[in-house]
Amino acid sequence: MKVVYFNHEDGWPVGEGLFYHCKTCDKTIPSQPPRSSGCECGNIYIDMGAARVAVKRPYDIELLEEE
């Protein structure tokens, strides 16, 4: 996987082959999980019902893309 640079103030990218990696707890989750999920420390939460990504510490995550 490769790191994708983006500005979180423009929104959180979502799509097939995109993943969020939390640098704090070292967990990686897909940007479109089959059901709502988040990382172990609670920094990232993806709410599939509301179709939104919530991040507490945006500078502690990376957006990854499958190569």
PDB file of N, CA and C in Angstrom:
ATOM      1  N   MET A   1       0.848  -1.177   0.000  1.00  0.00           N
ATOM      2  CA  MET A   1       0.000   0.000   0.000  1.00  0.00           C
ATOM      3  C   MET A   1       0.892   1.238   0.000  1.00  0.00           C
ATOM      4  N   LYS A   2       0.354   2.295  -0.564  1.00  0.00           N
ATOM      5  CA  LYS A   2       1.099   3.549  -0.580  1.00  0.00           C
ATOM      6  C   LYS A   2       0.288   4.631   0.136  1.00  0.00           C
ATOM      7  N   VAL A   3       0.994   5.602   0.704  1.00  0.00           N
ATOM      8  CA  VAL A   3       0.359   6.719   1.402  1.00  0.00           C
ATOM      9  C   VAL A   3      -0.166   7.714   0.374  1.00  0.00           C
ATOM     10  N   VAL A   4      -1.399   8.165   0.587  1.00  0.00           N
ATOM     11  CA  VAL A   4      -2.031   9.167  -0.271  1.00  0.00           C
ATOM     12  C   VAL A   4      -2.139  10.448   0.546  1.00  0.00           C
ATOM     13  N   TYR A   5      -1.615  11.532   0.013  1.00  0.00           N
ATOM     14  CA  TYR A   5      -1.686  12.807   0.713  1.00  0.00           C
ATOM     15  C   TYR A   5      -2.983  13.528   0.360  1.00  0.00           C
ATOM     16  N   PHE A   6      -3.620  14.121   1.375  1.00  0.00           N
ATOM     17  CA  PHE A   6      -4.874  14.840   1.186  1.00  0.00           C
ATOM     18  C   PHE A   6      -5.008  15.871   2.286  1.00  0.00           C
ATOM     19  N   ASN A   7      -5.897  16.821   2.102  1.00  0.00           N
ATOM     20  CA  ASN A   7      -6.179  17.838   3.108  1.00  0.00           C
ATOM     21  C   ASN A   7      -7.487  17.462   3.789  1.00  0.00           C
ATOM     22  N   HIS A   8      -7.409  17.091   5.055  1.00  0.00           N
ATOM     23  CA  HIS A   8      -8.626  16.645   5.760  1.00  0.00           C
ATOM     24  C   HIS A   8      -9.674  17.750   5.871  1.00  0.00           C
ATOM     25  N   GLU A   9      -9.279  19.005   5.730  1.00  0.00           N
ATOM     26  CA  GLU A   9     -10.251  20.095   5.788  1.00  0.00           C
ATOM     27  C   GLU A   9     -11.164  20.109   4.560  1.00  0.00           C
ATOM     28  N   ASP A  10     -10.753  19.399   3.499  1.00  0.00           N
ATOM     29  CA  ASP A  10     -11.569  19.279   2.286  1.00  0.00           C
ATOM     30  C   ASP A  10     -12.488  18.068   2.331  1.00  0.00           C
ATOM     31  N   GLY A  11     -12.431  17.301   3.411  1.00  0.00           N
ATOM     32  CA  GLY A  11     -13.253  16.104   3.551  1.00  0.00           C
ATOM     33  C   GLY A  11     -12.391  14.859   3.625  1.00  0.00           C
ATOM     34  N   TRP A  12     -13.028  13.759   3.970  1.00  0.00           N
ATOM     35  CA  TRP A  12     -12.339  12.485   4.138  1.00  0.00           C
ATOM     36  C   TRP A  12     -12.613  11.612   2.918  1.00  0.00           C
ATOM     37  N   PRO A  13     -11.583  11.282   2.160  1.00  0.00           N
ATOM     38  CA  PRO A  13     -11.772  10.444   0.969  1.00  0.00           C
ATOM     39  C   PRO A  13     -12.311   9.058   1.335  1.00  0.00           C
ATOM     40  N   VAL A  14     -13.210   8.577   0.525  1.00  0.00           N
ATOM     41  CA  VAL A  14     -13.801   7.256   0.711  1.00  0.00           C
ATOM     42  C   VAL A  14     -13.866   6.595  -0.655  1.00  0.00           C
ATOM     43  N   GLY A  15     -13.525   5.317  -0.698  1.00  0.00           N
ATOM     44  CA  GLY A  15     -13.616   4.598  -1.953  1.00  0.00           C
ATOM     45  C   GLY A  15     -13.014   3.215  -1.856  1.00  0.00           C
ATOM     46  N   GLU A  16     -13.282   2.421  -2.839  1.00  0.00           N
ATOM     47  CA  GLU A  16     -12.745   1.074  -2.896  1.00  0.00           C
ATOM     48  C   GLU A  16     -11.220   1.155  -3.007  1.00  0.00           C
ATOM     49  N   GLY A  17     -10.536   0.395  -2.205  1.00  0.00           N
ATOM     50  CA  GLY A  17      -9.080   0.380  -2.233  1.00  0.00           C
ATOM     51  C   GLY A  17      -8.427   1.440  -1.372  1.00  0.00           C
ATOM     52  N   LEU A  18      -9.235   2.235  -0.633  1.00  0.00           N
ATOM     53  CA  LEU A  18      -8.697   3.241   0.282  1.00  0.00           C
ATOM     54  C   LEU A  18      -8.873   2.767   1.721  1.00  0.00           C
ATOM     55  N   PHE A  19      -7.856   3.013   2.542  1.00  0.00           N
ATOM     56  CA  PHE A  19      -7.843   2.565   3.931  1.00  0.00           C
ATOM     57  C   PHE A  19      -7.325   3.684   4.818  1.00  0.00           C
ATOM     58  N   TYR A  20      -7.818   3.729   6.043  1.00  0.00           N
ATOM     59  CA  TYR A  20      -7.305   4.658   7.040  1.00  0.00           C
ATOM     60  C   TYR A  20      -6.446   3.881   8.028  1.00  0.00           C
ATOM     61  N   HIS A  21      -5.264   4.412   8.301  1.00  0.00           N
ATOM     62  CA  HIS A  21      -4.341   3.796   9.248  1.00  0.00           C
ATOM     63  C   HIS A  21      -4.135   4.744  10.417  1.00  0.00           C
ATOM     64  N   CYS A  22      -4.442   4.280  11.619  1.00  0.00           N
ATOM     65  CA  CYS A  22      -4.237   5.070  12.826  1.00  0.00           C
ATOM     66  C   CYS A  22      -2.808   4.835  13.312  1.00  0.00           C
ATOM     67  N   LYS A  23      -2.036   5.890  13.399  1.00  0.00           N
ATOM     68  CA  LYS A  23      -0.652   5.784  13.858  1.00  0.00           C
ATOM     69  C   LYS A  23      -0.577   5.539  15.361  1.00  0.00           C
ATOM     70  N   THR A  24      -1.632   5.871  16.091  1.00  0.00           N
ATOM     71  CA  THR A  24      -1.625   5.701  17.544  1.00  0.00           C
ATOM     72  C   THR A  24      -1.751   4.231  17.938  1.00  0.00           C
ATOM     73  N   CYS A  25      -2.750   3.539  17.402  1.00  0.00           N
ATOM     74  CA  CYS A  25      -2.974   2.136  17.785  1.00  0.00           C
ATOM     75  C   CYS A  25      -2.535   1.152  16.699  1.00  0.00           C
ATOM     76  N   ASP A  26      -2.056   1.679  15.567  1.00  0.00           N
ATOM     77  CA  ASP A  26      -1.521   0.872  14.463  1.00  0.00           C
ATOM     78  C   ASP A  26      -2.575  -0.025  13.805  1.00  0.00           C
ATOM     79  N   LYS A  27      -3.832   0.428  13.816  1.00  0.00           N
ATOM     80  CA  LYS A  27      -4.889  -0.349  13.162  1.00  0.00           C
ATOM     81  C   LYS A  27      -5.231   0.289  11.821  1.00  0.00           C
ATOM     82  N   THR A  28      -5.483  -0.542  10.823  1.00  0.00           N
ATOM     83  CA  THR A  28      -5.877  -0.089   9.495  1.00  0.00           C
ATOM     84  C   THR A  28      -7.279  -0.603   9.210  1.00  0.00           C
ATOM     85  N   ILE A  29      -8.158   0.312   8.776  1.00  0.00           N
ATOM     86  CA  ILE A  29      -9.534  -0.077   8.461  1.00  0.00           C
ATOM     87  C   ILE A  29      -9.902   0.447   7.075  1.00  0.00           C
ATOM     88  N   PRO A  30     -10.723  -0.282   6.351  1.00  0.00           N
ATOM     89  CA  PRO A  30     -11.137   0.190   5.024  1.00  0.00           C
ATOM     90  C   PRO A  30     -11.989   1.444   5.133  1.00  0.00           C
ATOM     91  N   SER A  31     -11.899   2.309   4.135  1.00  0.00           N
ATOM     92  CA  SER A  31     -12.700   3.535   4.155  1.00  0.00           C
ATOM     93  C   SER A  31     -14.181   3.240   3.935  1.00  0.00           C
ATOM     94  N   GLN A  32     -14.485   2.078   3.387  1.00  0.00           N
ATOM     95  CA  GLN A  32     -15.872   1.632   3.213  1.00  0.00           C
ATOM     96  C   GLN A  32     -16.027   0.232   3.813  1.00  0.00           C
ATOM     97  N   PRO A  33     -16.030   0.133   5.147  1.00  0.00           N
ATOM     98  CA  PRO A  33     -16.177  -1.184   5.764  1.00  0.00           C
ATOM     99  C   PRO A  33     -17.592  -1.725   5.553  1.00  0.00           C
ATOM    100  N   PRO A  34     -17.780  -3.049   5.650  1.00  0.00           N
ATOM    101  CA  PRO A  34     -19.114  -3.632   5.465  1.00  0.00           C
ATOM    102  C   PRO A  34     -20.118  -3.159   6.522  1.00  0.00           C
ATOM    103  N   ARG A  35     -19.622  -2.784   7.695  1.00  0.00           N
ATOM    104  CA  ARG A  35     -20.477  -2.220   8.748  1.00  0.00           C
ATOM    105  C   ARG A  35     -19.665  -1.163   9.491  1.00  0.00           C
ATOM    106  N   SER A  36     -20.309  -0.329  10.253  1.00  0.00           N
ATOM    107  CA  SER A  36     -19.620   0.733  10.988  1.00  0.00           C
ATOM    108  C   SER A  36     -18.506   0.149  11.840  1.00  0.00           C
ATOM    109  N   SER A  37     -17.361   0.815  11.826  1.00  0.00           N
ATOM    110  CA  SER A  37     -16.234   0.337  12.616  1.00  0.00           C
ATOM    111  C   SER A  37     -15.251   1.464  12.860  1.00  0.00           C
ATOM    112  N   GLY A  38     -14.315   1.206  13.755  1.00  0.00           N
ATOM    113  CA  GLY A  38     -13.308   2.196  14.086  1.00  0.00           C
ATOM    114  C   GLY A  38     -12.041   1.532  14.575  1.00  0.00           C
ATOM    115  N   CYS A  39     -11.054   2.350  14.835  1.00  0.00           N
ATOM    116  CA  CYS A  39      -9.788   1.817  15.334  1.00  0.00           C
ATOM    117  C   CYS A  39      -9.900   1.562  16.837  1.00  0.00           C
ATOM    118  N   GLU A  40      -8.919   0.857  17.380  1.00  0.00           N
ATOM    119  CA  GLU A  40      -8.972   0.433  18.774  1.00  0.00           C
ATOM    120  C   GLU A  40      -8.906   1.581  19.776  1.00  0.00           C
ATOM    121  N   CYS A  41      -8.193   2.665  19.442  1.00  0.00           N
ATOM    122  CA  CYS A  41      -8.052   3.773  20.388  1.00  0.00           C
ATOM    123  C   CYS A  41      -9.169   4.810  20.244  1.00  0.00           C
ATOM    124  N   GLY A  42     -10.042   4.657  19.243  1.00  0.00           N
ATOM    125  CA  GLY A  42     -11.161   5.560  19.061  1.00  0.00           C
ATOM    126  C   GLY A  42     -10.848   6.814  18.251  1.00  0.00           C
ATOM    127  N   ASN A  43      -9.675   6.882  17.658  1.00  0.00           N
ATOM    128  CA  ASN A  43      -9.307   8.049  16.859  1.00  0.00           C
ATOM    129  C   ASN A  43     -10.112   8.118  15.559  1.00  0.00           C
ATOM    130  N   ILE A  44     -10.376   6.965  14.943  1.00  0.00           N
ATOM    131  CA  ILE A  44     -11.107   6.904  13.673  1.00  0.00           C
ATOM    132  C   ILE A  44     -12.388   6.111  13.885  1.00  0.00           C
ATOM    133  N   TYR A  45     -13.495   6.657  13.399  1.00  0.00           N
ATOM    134  CA  TYR A  45     -14.750   5.905  13.406  1.00  0.00           C
ATOM    135  C   TYR A  45     -15.461   6.163  12.086  1.00  0.00           C
ATOM    136  N   ILE A  46     -15.832   5.099  11.408  1.00  0.00           N
ATOM    137  CA  ILE A  46     -16.551   5.202  10.144  1.00  0.00           C
ATOM    138  C   ILE A  46     -17.967   4.699  10.381  1.00  0.00           C
ATOM    139  N   ASP A  47     -18.916   5.618  10.232  1.00  0.00           N
ATOM    140  CA  ASP A  47     -20.329   5.341  10.462  1.00  0.00           C
ATOM    141  C   ASP A  47     -20.986   5.098   9.109  1.00  0.00           C
ATOM    142  N   MET A  48     -21.223   3.850   8.784  1.00  0.00           N
ATOM    143  CA  MET A  48     -21.792   3.506   7.484  1.00  0.00           C
ATOM    144  C   MET A  48     -23.262   3.933   7.384  1.00  0.00           C
ATOM    145  N   GLY A  49     -23.993   3.953   8.493  1.00  0.00           N
ATOM    146  CA  GLY A  49     -25.389   4.373   8.471  1.00  0.00           C
ATOM    147  C   GLY A  49     -25.547   5.843   8.095  1.00  0.00           C
ATOM    148  N   ALA A  50     -24.634   6.665   8.596  1.00  0.00           N
ATOM    149  CA  ALA A  50     -24.680   8.103   8.308  1.00  0.00           C
ATOM    150  C   ALA A  50     -23.742   8.479   7.162  1.00  0.00           C
ATOM    151  N   ALA A  51     -23.002   7.506   6.657  1.00  0.00           N
ATOM    152  CA  ALA A  51     -22.048   7.726   5.563  1.00  0.00           C
ATOM    153  C   ALA A  51     -21.063   8.842   5.897  1.00  0.00           C
ATOM    154  N   ARG A  52     -20.397   8.684   7.076  1.00  0.00           N
ATOM    155  CA  ARG A  52     -19.419   9.708   7.434  1.00  0.00           C
ATOM    156  C   ARG A  52     -18.217   9.103   8.144  1.00  0.00           C
ATOM    157  N   VAL A  53     -17.119   9.817   8.033  1.00  0.00           N
ATOM    158  CA  VAL A  53     -15.872   9.459   8.702  1.00  0.00           C
ATOM    159  C   VAL A  53     -15.647  10.482   9.801  1.00  0.00           C
ATOM    160  N   ALA A  54     -15.411  10.013  11.018  1.00  0.00           N
ATOM    161  CA  ALA A  54     -15.129  10.902  12.147  1.00  0.00           C
ATOM    162  C   ALA A  54     -13.717  10.607  12.647  1.00  0.00           C
ATOM    163  N   VAL A  55     -12.920  11.657  12.787  1.00  0.00           N
ATOM    164  CA  VAL A  55     -11.536  11.512  13.235  1.00  0.00           C
ATOM    165  C   VAL A  55     -11.275  12.517  14.352  1.00  0.00           C
ATOM    166  N   LYS A  56     -10.756  12.035  15.476  1.00  0.00           N
ATOM    167  CA  LYS A  56     -10.459  12.910  16.611  1.00  0.00           C
ATOM    168  C   LYS A  56      -9.129  13.633  16.428  1.00  0.00           C
ATOM    169  N   ARG A  57      -8.099  12.918  15.989  1.00  0.00           N
ATOM    170  CA  ARG A  57      -6.756  13.481  15.831  1.00  0.00           C
ATOM    171  C   ARG A  57      -6.308  13.278  14.376  1.00  0.00           C
ATOM    172  N   PRO A  58      -6.673  14.185  13.488  1.00  0.00           N
ATOM    173  CA  PRO A  58      -6.403  13.987  12.059  1.00  0.00           C
ATOM    174  C   PRO A  58      -4.927  13.849  11.705  1.00  0.00           C
ATOM    175  N   TYR A  59      -4.043  14.398  12.514  1.00  0.00           N
ATOM    176  CA  TYR A  59      -2.618  14.309  12.181  1.00  0.00           C
ATOM    177  C   TYR A  59      -2.000  12.989  12.640  1.00  0.00           C
ATOM    178  N   ASP A  60      -2.803  12.135  13.268  1.00  0.00           N
ATOM    179  CA  ASP A  60      -2.344  10.814  13.697  1.00  0.00           C
ATOM    180  C   ASP A  60      -2.852   9.708  12.791  1.00  0.00           C
ATOM    181  N   ILE A  61      -3.280  10.056  11.576  1.00  0.00           N
ATOM    182  CA  ILE A  61      -3.743   9.031  10.637  1.00  0.00           C
ATOM    183  C   ILE A  61      -3.053   9.198   9.291  1.00  0.00           C
ATOM    184  N   GLU A  62      -3.098   8.124   8.526  1.00  0.00           N
ATOM    185  CA  GLU A  62      -2.635   8.135   7.138  1.00  0.00           C
ATOM    186  C   GLU A  62      -3.732   7.538   6.273  1.00  0.00           C
ATOM    187  N   LEU A  63      -3.858   8.035   5.079  1.00  0.00           N
ATOM    188  CA  LEU A  63      -4.743   7.438   4.084  1.00  0.00           C
ATOM    189  C   LEU A  63      -3.868   6.562   3.193  1.00  0.00           C
ATOM    190  N   LEU A  64      -4.242   5.300   3.076  1.00  0.00           N
ATOM    191  CA  LEU A  64      -3.476   4.351   2.283  1.00  0.00           C
ATOM    192  C   LEU A  64      -4.317   3.901   1.083  1.00  0.00           C
ATOM    193  N   GLU A  65      -3.620   3.584  -0.009  1.00  0.00           N
ATOM    194  CA  GLU A  65      -4.278   3.097  -1.207  1.00  0.00           C
ATOM    195  C   GLU A  65      -3.580   1.817  -1.671  1.00  0.00           C
ATOM    196  N   GLU A  66      -4.385   0.828  -2.047  1.00  0.00           N
ATOM    197  CA  GLU A  66      -3.823  -0.408  -2.610  1.00  0.00           C
ATOM    198  C   GLU A  66      -3.130  -0.074  -3.924  1.00  0.00           C
ATOM    199  N   GLU A  67      -1.986  -0.694  -4.123  1.00  0.00           N
ATOM    200  CA  GLU A  67      -1.246  -0.455  -5.378  1.00  0.00           C
ATOM    201  C   GLU A  67      -1.614  -1.498  -6.410  1.00  0.00           C
TER     202      GLU A  67
END
